[in-house]
Amino acid sequence: MIFQQYKIAFGGTMGAGKSAAIKVLSDIDVVSTEARNTDVESHTKYLTTVGIDYGEICLEDGIKIGLYGTPGQDRFNFMWSIVCKGALGTVILIDHSRTERLQDLEFYLDAFRAYGNNIVIGITHLDEKDDQVLKIYRDWMLIRDLHFPLYAVDARNRDDVLLMIETLIASVEINTQFGQKSAGV
């Protein structure tokens, strides 16, 4: 493995499932900073993250990954750089049920790319089981010449969330091996 300790950040829209994703993966009790949602115009959920959620997952080889969830509201964006500093990568979750979903994707991609390009995108709240549902996101990225792994996920499903984590780790391992070969190592 490349690192002794990994750190992965979760970002994205309020209500997209960042806290749920961390809870479903964590091997420890999640440290949560949820408080009563006072921004009911953005989302009707009762509780929302106002600080940082933290959990850990331990891989088979004993490597621990710290899972850090950021608040979805952009008024807390000052925390994003703190959470992302030194992170292996970022999982961005987008709530498909929102009519502004493509604007949300653009906003969070622009914001989190400032901290690194190892990003995986998970689209949540997909009521329909249509293979073409991700086409609008793929087309949007294609028009902008963006190339990020994109998954339809249920943030409450461990396997779905684990796939995104494994994708981030594989990307780092591939890029590190490629960099070593390019440098003649």
C-alpha atoms as a PDB file:
ATOM      1  CA  MET A   1       0.000   0.000   0.000  1.00  0.00           C
ATOM      2  CA  ILE A   2       1.002   3.558  -0.598  1.00  0.00           C
ATOM      3  CA  PHE A   3       0.035   5.134   2.719  1.00  0.00           C
ATOM      4  CA  GLN A   4      -0.259   3.884   6.278  1.00  0.00           C
ATOM      5  CA  GLN A   5      -3.417   5.939   6.831  1.00  0.00           C
ATOM      6  CA  TYR A   6      -5.848   7.121   4.199  1.00  0.00           C
ATOM      7  CA  LYS A   7      -8.252   9.995   4.497  1.00  0.00           C
ATOM      8  CA  ILE A   8     -11.295  10.302   2.252  1.00  0.00           C
ATOM      9  CA  ALA A   9     -13.638  13.283   2.171  1.00  0.00           C
ATOM     10  CA  PHE A  10     -17.337  13.162   1.371  1.00  0.00           C
ATOM     11  CA  GLY A  11     -18.906  16.256  -0.158  1.00  0.00           C
ATOM     12  CA  GLY A  12     -22.066  17.141  -2.002  1.00  0.00           C
ATOM     13  CA  THR A  13     -25.586  18.339  -1.617  1.00  0.00           C
ATOM     14  CA  MET A  14     -27.459  18.435   1.653  1.00  0.00           C
ATOM     15  CA  GLY A  15     -29.528  15.282   1.939  1.00  0.00           C
ATOM     16  CA  ALA A  16     -27.548  13.335  -0.675  1.00  0.00           C
ATOM     17  CA  GLY A  17     -26.433  10.715   1.856  1.00  0.00           C
ATOM     18  CA  LYS A  18     -22.951  11.701   3.041  1.00  0.00           C
ATOM     19  CA  SER A  19     -23.673  10.905   6.693  1.00  0.00           C
ATOM     20  CA  ALA A  20     -25.488   7.697   5.739  1.00  0.00           C
ATOM     21  CA  ALA A  21     -22.554   6.576   3.572  1.00  0.00           C
ATOM     22  CA  ILE A  22     -20.083   7.099   6.406  1.00  0.00           C
ATOM     23  CA  LYS A  23     -22.348   5.317   8.894  1.00  0.00           C
ATOM     24  CA  VAL A  24     -22.802   2.283   6.648  1.00  0.00           C
ATOM     25  CA  LEU A  25     -19.017   1.896   6.157  1.00  0.00           C
ATOM     26  CA  SER A  26     -17.607   2.836   9.533  1.00  0.00           C
ATOM     27  CA  ASP A  27     -16.168   0.162  11.808  1.00  0.00           C
ATOM     28  CA  ILE A  28     -16.426   2.575  14.736  1.00  0.00           C
ATOM     29  CA  ASP A  29     -19.278   4.647  16.087  1.00  0.00           C
ATOM     30  CA  VAL A  30     -19.473   7.696  13.844  1.00  0.00           C
ATOM     31  CA  VAL A  31     -18.711  11.056  15.380  1.00  0.00           C
ATOM     32  CA  SER A  32     -21.551  13.176  14.088  1.00  0.00           C
ATOM     33  CA  THR A  33     -22.186  16.903  14.198  1.00  0.00           C
ATOM     34  CA  GLU A  34     -25.792  16.877  13.123  1.00  0.00           C
ATOM     35  CA  ALA A  35     -28.083  19.629  14.297  1.00  0.00           C
ATOM     36  CA  ARG A  36     -31.641  20.671  13.560  1.00  0.00           C
ATOM     37  CA  ASN A  37     -31.945  21.851   9.969  1.00  0.00           C
ATOM     38  CA  THR A  38     -32.813  25.545   9.857  1.00  0.00           C
ATOM     39  CA  ASP A  39     -32.527  25.716   6.047  1.00  0.00           C
ATOM     40  CA  VAL A  40     -35.806  23.959   5.206  1.00  0.00           C
ATOM     41  CA  GLU A  41     -35.978  25.819   1.889  1.00  0.00           C
ATOM     42  CA  SER A  42     -32.959  23.811   0.682  1.00  0.00           C
ATOM     43  CA  HIS A  43     -34.071  20.495   2.155  1.00  0.00           C
ATOM     44  CA  THR A  44     -36.853  19.277   4.416  1.00  0.00           C
ATOM     45  CA  LYS A  45     -34.779  16.771   6.390  1.00  0.00           C
ATOM     46  CA  TYR A  46     -34.904  17.295  10.148  1.00  0.00           C
ATOM     47  CA  LEU A  47     -31.170  16.987  10.935  1.00  0.00           C
ATOM     48  CA  THR A  48     -28.171  18.127   8.908  1.00  0.00           C
ATOM     49  CA  THR A  49     -24.396  18.078   9.353  1.00  0.00           C
ATOM     50  CA  VAL A  50     -23.031  21.401  10.568  1.00  0.00           C
ATOM     51  CA  GLY A  51     -19.463  20.347  11.307  1.00  0.00           C
ATOM     52  CA  ILE A  52     -17.634  17.193  10.332  1.00  0.00           C
ATOM     53  CA  ASP A  53     -18.814  13.593  10.436  1.00  0.00           C
ATOM     54  CA  TYR A  54     -16.029  11.101  11.132  1.00  0.00           C
ATOM     55  CA  GLY A  55     -15.834   7.340  10.827  1.00  0.00           C
ATOM     56  CA  GLU A  56     -13.185   4.733  10.043  1.00  0.00           C
ATOM     57  CA  ILE A  57     -12.989   1.608   7.982  1.00  0.00           C
ATOM     58  CA  CYS A  58     -10.193  -0.924   8.346  1.00  0.00           C
ATOM     59  CA  LEU A  59      -9.125  -2.793   5.223  1.00  0.00           C
ATOM     60  CA  GLU A  60      -8.103  -6.452   5.191  1.00  0.00           C
ATOM     61  CA  ASP A  61      -4.409  -5.540   5.326  1.00  0.00           C
ATOM     62  CA  GLY A  62      -4.912  -3.446   8.476  1.00  0.00           C
ATOM     63  CA  ILE A  63      -4.890  -0.091   6.733  1.00  0.00           C
ATOM     64  CA  LYS A  64      -7.331   2.365   8.279  1.00  0.00           C
ATOM     65  CA  ILE A  65      -9.232   4.861   6.203  1.00  0.00           C
ATOM     66  CA  GLY A  66     -10.607   7.954   7.897  1.00  0.00           C
ATOM     67  CA  LEU A  67     -13.993   8.928   6.477  1.00  0.00           C
ATOM     68  CA  TYR A  68     -14.730  12.643   6.762  1.00  0.00           C
ATOM     69  CA  GLY A  69     -18.120  14.074   5.873  1.00  0.00           C
ATOM     70  CA  THR A  70     -18.542  17.752   5.102  1.00  0.00           C
ATOM     71  CA  PRO A  71     -21.665  19.848   5.482  1.00  0.00           C
ATOM     72  CA  GLY A  72     -23.594  20.204   2.232  1.00  0.00           C
ATOM     73  CA  GLN A  73     -24.588  23.827   2.651  1.00  0.00           C
ATOM     74  CA  ASP A  74     -22.225  26.206   0.887  1.00  0.00           C
ATOM     75  CA  ARG A  75     -22.306  28.542   3.895  1.00  0.00           C
ATOM     76  CA  PHE A  76     -20.013  25.973   5.553  1.00  0.00           C
ATOM     77  CA  ASN A  77     -17.600  25.845   2.597  1.00  0.00           C
ATOM     78  CA  PHE A  78     -14.769  27.214   4.747  1.00  0.00           C
ATOM     79  CA  MET A  79     -14.596  23.716   6.283  1.00  0.00           C
ATOM     80  CA  TRP A  80     -14.143  21.929   2.975  1.00  0.00           C
ATOM     81  CA  SER A  81     -10.487  22.875   2.565  1.00  0.00           C
ATOM     82  CA  ILE A  82      -9.774  21.771   6.146  1.00  0.00           C
ATOM     83  CA  VAL A  83     -11.380  18.379   5.601  1.00  0.00           C
ATOM     84  CA  CYS A  84      -9.802  17.832   2.188  1.00  0.00           C
ATOM     85  CA  LYS A  85      -6.259  18.741   3.202  1.00  0.00           C
ATOM     86  CA  GLY A  86      -4.161  15.599   2.769  1.00  0.00           C
ATOM     87  CA  ALA A  87      -7.117  13.521   1.579  1.00  0.00           C
ATOM     88  CA  LEU A  88      -6.612  10.639  -0.792  1.00  0.00           C
ATOM     89  CA  GLY A  89      -9.663  11.800  -2.678  1.00  0.00           C
ATOM     90  CA  THR A  90     -13.239  12.966  -2.491  1.00  0.00           C
ATOM     91  CA  VAL A  91     -16.558  11.238  -2.937  1.00  0.00           C
ATOM     92  CA  ILE A  92     -19.113  13.739  -4.221  1.00  0.00           C
ATOM     93  CA  LEU A  93     -22.727  12.720  -3.698  1.00  0.00           C
ATOM     94  CA  ILE A  94     -25.459  14.386  -5.741  1.00  0.00           C
ATOM     95  CA  ASP A  95     -29.173  14.060  -4.959  1.00  0.00           C
ATOM     96  CA  HIS A  96     -30.821  13.098  -8.259  1.00  0.00           C
ATOM     97  CA  SER A  97     -34.275  14.047  -6.959  1.00  0.00           C
ATOM     98  CA  ARG A  98     -33.337  17.737  -6.969  1.00  0.00           C
ATOM     99  CA  THR A  99     -34.296  19.686 -10.078  1.00  0.00           C
ATOM    100  CA  GLU A 100     -30.963  21.578  -9.809  1.00  0.00           C
ATOM    101  CA  ARG A 101     -28.947  18.354  -9.880  1.00  0.00           C
ATOM    102  CA  LEU A 102     -26.661  19.366 -12.777  1.00  0.00           C
ATOM    103  CA  GLN A 103     -26.019  22.788 -11.251  1.00  0.00           C
ATOM    104  CA  ASP A 104     -25.265  20.983  -7.971  1.00  0.00           C
ATOM    105  CA  LEU A 105     -22.805  18.702  -9.746  1.00  0.00           C
ATOM    106  CA  GLU A 106     -21.083  21.676 -11.359  1.00  0.00           C
ATOM    107  CA  PHE A 107     -20.913  23.585  -8.078  1.00  0.00           C
ATOM    108  CA  TYR A 108     -19.481  20.716  -6.002  1.00  0.00           C
ATOM    109  CA  LEU A 109     -17.069  19.573  -8.707  1.00  0.00           C
ATOM    110  CA  ASP A 110     -15.717  23.109  -9.077  1.00  0.00           C
ATOM    111  CA  ALA A 111     -15.443  23.491  -5.301  1.00  0.00           C
ATOM    112  CA  PHE A 112     -13.762  20.152  -4.536  1.00  0.00           C
ATOM    113  CA  ARG A 113     -11.462  20.076  -7.588  1.00  0.00           C
ATOM    114  CA  ALA A 114      -9.656  22.968  -5.935  1.00  0.00           C
ATOM    115  CA  TYR A 115      -8.435  20.417  -3.359  1.00  0.00           C
ATOM    116  CA  GLY A 116      -7.541  17.567  -5.726  1.00  0.00           C
ATOM    117  CA  ASN A 117      -8.660  15.725  -8.844  1.00  0.00           C
ATOM    118  CA  ASN A 118      -9.084  12.255  -7.376  1.00  0.00           C
ATOM    119  CA  ILE A 119     -12.870  12.422  -7.299  1.00  0.00           C
ATOM    120  CA  VAL A 120     -15.615   9.829  -7.576  1.00  0.00           C
ATOM    121  CA  ILE A 121     -19.210  10.897  -8.144  1.00  0.00           C
ATOM    122  CA  GLY A 122     -22.157   9.049  -6.661  1.00  0.00           C
ATOM    123  CA  ILE A 123     -25.697   9.839  -7.767  1.00  0.00           C
ATOM    124  CA  THR A 124     -28.231   9.104  -5.023  1.00  0.00           C
ATOM    125  CA  HIS A 125     -32.014   9.086  -4.618  1.00  0.00           C
ATOM    126  CA  LEU A 126     -32.649   7.251  -7.841  1.00  0.00           C
ATOM    127  CA  ASP A 127     -36.207   5.991  -7.688  1.00  0.00           C
ATOM    128  CA  GLU A 128     -36.075   4.566 -11.167  1.00  0.00           C
ATOM    129  CA  LYS A 129     -33.937   1.555 -12.046  1.00  0.00           C
ATOM    130  CA  ASP A 130     -33.137   2.675 -15.580  1.00  0.00           C
ATOM    131  CA  ASP A 131     -29.674   2.035 -16.991  1.00  0.00           C
ATOM    132  CA  GLN A 132     -29.921   5.343 -18.857  1.00  0.00           C
ATOM    133  CA  VAL A 133     -30.519   7.483 -15.730  1.00  0.00           C
ATOM    134  CA  LEU A 134     -26.819   8.388 -15.510  1.00  0.00           C
ATOM    135  CA  LYS A 135     -26.764   9.495 -19.152  1.00  0.00           C
ATOM    136  CA  ILE A 136     -27.593  13.109 -18.270  1.00  0.00           C
ATOM    137  CA  TYR A 137     -24.536  13.229 -15.983  1.00  0.00           C
ATOM    138  CA  ARG A 138     -22.248  11.486 -18.463  1.00  0.00           C
ATOM    139  CA  ASP A 139     -23.373  13.811 -21.259  1.00  0.00           C
ATOM    140  CA  TRP A 140     -22.891  16.845 -19.013  1.00  0.00           C
ATOM    141  CA  MET A 141     -19.324  15.733 -18.181  1.00  0.00           C
ATOM    142  CA  LEU A 142     -18.561  14.850 -21.799  1.00  0.00           C
ATOM    143  CA  ILE A 143     -19.549  18.344 -22.987  1.00  0.00           C
ATOM    144  CA  ARG A 144     -17.158  19.798 -20.387  1.00  0.00           C
ATOM    145  CA  ASP A 145     -14.385  17.275 -21.113  1.00  0.00           C
ATOM    146  CA  LEU A 146     -14.537  15.975 -17.525  1.00  0.00           C
ATOM    147  CA  HIS A 147     -13.640  12.385 -16.751  1.00  0.00           C
ATOM    148  CA  PHE A 148     -14.584  11.173 -13.285  1.00  0.00           C
ATOM    149  CA  PRO A 149     -15.901   7.769 -12.236  1.00  0.00           C
ATOM    150  CA  LEU A 150     -19.681   8.002 -11.931  1.00  0.00           C
ATOM    151  CA  TYR A 151     -21.922   5.570 -10.062  1.00  0.00           C
ATOM    152  CA  ALA A 152     -25.600   5.247  -9.244  1.00  0.00           C
ATOM    153  CA  VAL A 153     -25.562   4.504  -5.518  1.00  0.00           C
ATOM    154  CA  ASP A 154     -27.738   3.978  -2.511  1.00  0.00           C
ATOM    155  CA  ALA A 155     -25.753   5.685   0.261  1.00  0.00           C
ATOM    156  CA  ARG A 156     -27.257   3.213   2.754  1.00  0.00           C
ATOM    157  CA  ASN A 157     -25.829   0.248   0.834  1.00  0.00           C
ATOM    158  CA  ARG A 158     -22.355  -0.747   2.054  1.00  0.00           C
ATOM    159  CA  ASP A 159     -21.329  -2.338  -1.252  1.00  0.00           C
ATOM    160  CA  ASP A 160     -22.284   0.769  -3.247  1.00  0.00           C
ATOM    161  CA  VAL A 161     -20.261   3.061  -0.988  1.00  0.00           C
ATOM    162  CA  LEU A 162     -17.340   0.637  -0.771  1.00  0.00           C
ATOM    163  CA  LEU A 163     -17.133   0.570  -4.575  1.00  0.00           C
ATOM    164  CA  MET A 164     -16.557   4.334  -4.614  1.00  0.00           C
ATOM    165  CA  ILE A 165     -13.857   4.050  -1.919  1.00  0.00           C
ATOM    166  CA  GLU A 166     -12.133   1.233  -3.789  1.00  0.00           C
ATOM    167  CA  THR A 167     -12.209   3.336  -6.967  1.00  0.00           C
ATOM    168  CA  LEU A 168     -10.443   6.229  -5.206  1.00  0.00           C
ATOM    169  CA  ILE A 169      -7.770   3.919  -3.792  1.00  0.00           C
ATOM    170  CA  ALA A 170      -7.233   2.159  -7.121  1.00  0.00           C
ATOM    171  CA  SER A 171      -6.837   5.500  -8.849  1.00  0.00           C
ATOM    172  CA  VAL A 172      -4.103   6.555  -6.430  1.00  0.00           C
ATOM    173  CA  GLU A 173      -2.308   3.221  -6.760  1.00  0.00           C
ATOM    174  CA  ILE A 174      -2.434   3.343 -10.563  1.00  0.00           C
ATOM    175  CA  ASN A 175      -1.253   6.961 -10.702  1.00  0.00           C
ATOM    176  CA  THR A 176       1.553   6.267  -8.224  1.00  0.00           C
ATOM    177  CA  GLN A 177       2.756   3.212 -10.139  1.00  0.00           C
ATOM    178  CA  PHE A 178       2.567   5.124 -13.427  1.00  0.00           C
ATOM    179  CA  GLY A 179       4.490   8.035 -11.888  1.00  0.00           C
ATOM    180  CA  GLN A 180       7.206   5.690 -10.631  1.00  0.00           C
ATOM    181  CA  LYS A 181       7.579   4.070 -14.042  1.00  0.00           C
ATOM    182  CA  SER A 182       7.681   7.454 -15.756  1.00  0.00           C
ATOM    183  CA  ALA A 183      10.399   8.611 -13.392  1.00  0.00           C
ATOM    184  CA  GLY A 184      12.436   5.489 -14.141  1.00  0.00           C
ATOM    185  CA  VAL A 185      11.970   4.017 -10.676  1.00  0.00           C
END
